[in-house]
Protein backbone atom coordinates (compact mmCIF):
# COMPACT_ATOMS: atom_id res chain seq x y z
CA MET A 1 104.66 104.51 72.54
CA ILE A 2 103.09 102.29 75.17
CA LEU A 3 103.77 104.92 77.82
CA ALA A 4 102.01 107.56 75.74
CA LEU A 5 98.98 105.32 75.17
CA LEU A 6 98.73 104.47 78.86
CA ALA A 7 99.05 108.14 79.77
CA LEU A 8 96.37 109.01 77.21
CA ALA A 9 93.96 106.40 78.56
CA LEU A 10 94.51 107.27 82.21
CA SER A 11 94.29 111.00 81.69
CA MET A 12 91.15 110.57 79.59
CA ALA A 13 89.53 108.58 82.40
CA LEU A 14 90.56 111.13 85.01
CA GLY A 15 89.46 114.03 82.81
CA ALA A 16 86.06 112.41 82.36
CA ALA A 17 85.77 111.76 86.09
CA ASP A 18 86.41 115.41 86.96
CA ALA A 19 85.50 117.51 83.93
CA ASP A 20 85.84 120.80 85.80
CA ARG A 21 89.64 120.54 86.20
CA PRO A 22 91.22 118.47 83.42
CA TRP A 23 94.38 120.57 83.63
CA LEU A 24 94.95 119.34 87.18
CA TRP A 25 94.98 115.69 86.13
CA ALA A 26 97.17 116.45 83.13
CA LEU A 27 99.72 118.24 85.31
CA LEU A 28 99.64 115.48 87.90
CA LEU A 29 100.34 112.77 85.34
CA ALA A 30 102.79 114.93 83.40
CA GLY A 31 104.77 115.52 86.57
CA ALA A 32 104.73 111.89 87.61
CA MET A 33 106.37 110.63 84.42
CA PRO A 34 109.65 112.58 84.65
CA ALA A 35 109.74 111.77 88.37
CA ALA A 36 109.46 108.06 87.55
CA ALA A 37 112.18 108.36 84.91
CA LEU A 38 114.44 110.11 87.40
CA PHE A 39 113.74 107.41 89.97
CA VAL A 40 114.71 104.70 87.48
CA GLN A 41 117.95 106.49 86.61
CA LEU A 42 118.85 107.10 90.26
CA ARG A 43 118.31 103.43 91.09
CA GLY A 44 120.79 102.51 88.38
CA LEU A 45 118.33 100.42 86.40
CA PRO A 46 119.03 99.98 82.69
CA VAL A 47 117.55 102.72 80.52
CA LEU A 48 117.55 103.10 76.75
CA SER A 49 119.03 106.59 76.61
CA GLY A 50 117.73 107.90 73.29
CA GLN A 51 114.20 106.67 73.69
CA VAL A 52 113.45 108.02 77.15
CA GLU A 53 113.26 111.68 76.18
CA SER A 54 111.08 111.12 73.13
CA ALA A 55 108.77 108.82 75.09
CA LEU A 56 108.40 111.43 77.83
CA VAL A 57 107.58 114.18 75.35
CA ALA A 58 104.95 112.00 73.68
CA ALA A 59 103.51 111.01 77.05
CA LEU A 60 103.39 114.62 78.27
CA ALA A 61 101.51 115.72 75.16
CA SER A 62 99.13 112.79 75.44
CA THR A 63 98.25 113.61 79.06
CA PHE A 64 96.91 117.03 78.12
CA LEU A 65 95.14 115.72 75.04
CA GLY A 66 93.59 112.88 76.99
CA ALA A 67 92.48 114.97 79.96
CA TYR A 68 90.76 117.56 77.80
CA ALA A 69 89.25 114.92 75.50
CA GLY A 70 87.84 113.10 78.53
CA ALA A 71 86.41 116.33 79.94
CA MET A 72 84.85 117.19 76.59
CA LEU A 73 83.38 113.70 76.31
CA ARG A 74 81.92 113.99 79.80
CA ARG A 75 80.34 117.35 78.98
CA MET A 76 78.88 116.01 75.73
CA VAL A 77 77.40 112.96 77.44
CA THR A 78 75.97 115.14 80.21
CA LYS A 79 74.48 117.52 77.65
CA ILE A 80 72.92 114.72 75.58
CA PHE A 81 71.61 112.52 78.37
CA GLY A 82 71.24 115.14 81.07
CA HIS A 83 72.10 114.74 84.70
């Protein structure tokens, strides 16, 4: 759950920073999370087996939601306040 919230917040910030390509930030973050999980497993660090997959799925979904929500927020703010 914490991973999904962090992914949501970071992708929202990145989507707002570059509203033209929110999909790029979502893919970047979505790709980094399984890579980090693989790194942890390869290093032999303790992992809670059943919770990793569900946390990754929630985090992957939240990256796309966050990136597009951030881009939409940026466009709305730009439209309201101009510039």
